[in-house]
Amino acid sequence: MEPRFQLRCLGAPVLIGPDGQPIRFKVRKHLALLVYLAVESKARHRREHLAELLWANLPEAEGRHSLATALSMLRARFGRDVVESARDDLRWAYTRLELDLDRLAAGSVLGDDVTPSLAVAGFVDGFEVAAAAEFMLWRERQRARWLPLVRDALIALMDRARRNGDSRQIEQLADRMLALDDLSEEAVRAKMEARAFAGDRPA
């Protein structure tokens, strides 16, 4: 079996190697490029657009050079077939990268005896990239796109915690939902239930 990588996009993004260990990126924008290309894997992207996405603060030639450096890093990490590249554009082509977003989209949240529950949070939550306004705008659009599925997944996890009588887990999941939507009635109700389960009725 060929080695497979995992890219977690729910919460702070993390690349997990075939050995199950997180892989560190010295340059945050290189991780940002990986996230963007992997999430937008069905589209071809002009090199000019990718340079503006992450290096708009640099002169054009320096931005394209920074993009080339980032792509070289990805090739060194995944192999030369990581992108399908032409003179002016490219497309993500690596087939051995698993995204947690795929599990979220499939509704495979609770896991089983072999697969653990999905760690659910907002899309690349807490991941800030300096001097990359276009990337940050894209991140916000993706957060809005995935929010309904994230909310449904958190509700499913809270329902299971209720069945198991795990009040602490209920409250942790409710807090996670409130961080995404501070007006969520489901989250407020879940926090009240959790405190009641724990015997803390005054709170």
Foldseek 3Di string as FASTA:
>chain_A
DDQFWEWEFAEATFIAGSVRHTDDDPALVLVLVVVVQVVVQVDKAFLQVSLLQAPVVDPSVVSSVVVVVSVVVVCVVQNPQQWADDDTIIGGGDDRYHYLVVCLVVVVAPADPVGHGRDHAFGNPPRDRPPRVNSVVVSVVVRVVCVVSSVVSLLVVLVVCVVVLPLVSLLVSLVRNCVSPVPDPVSVVSPCVSCVSVVNNVD
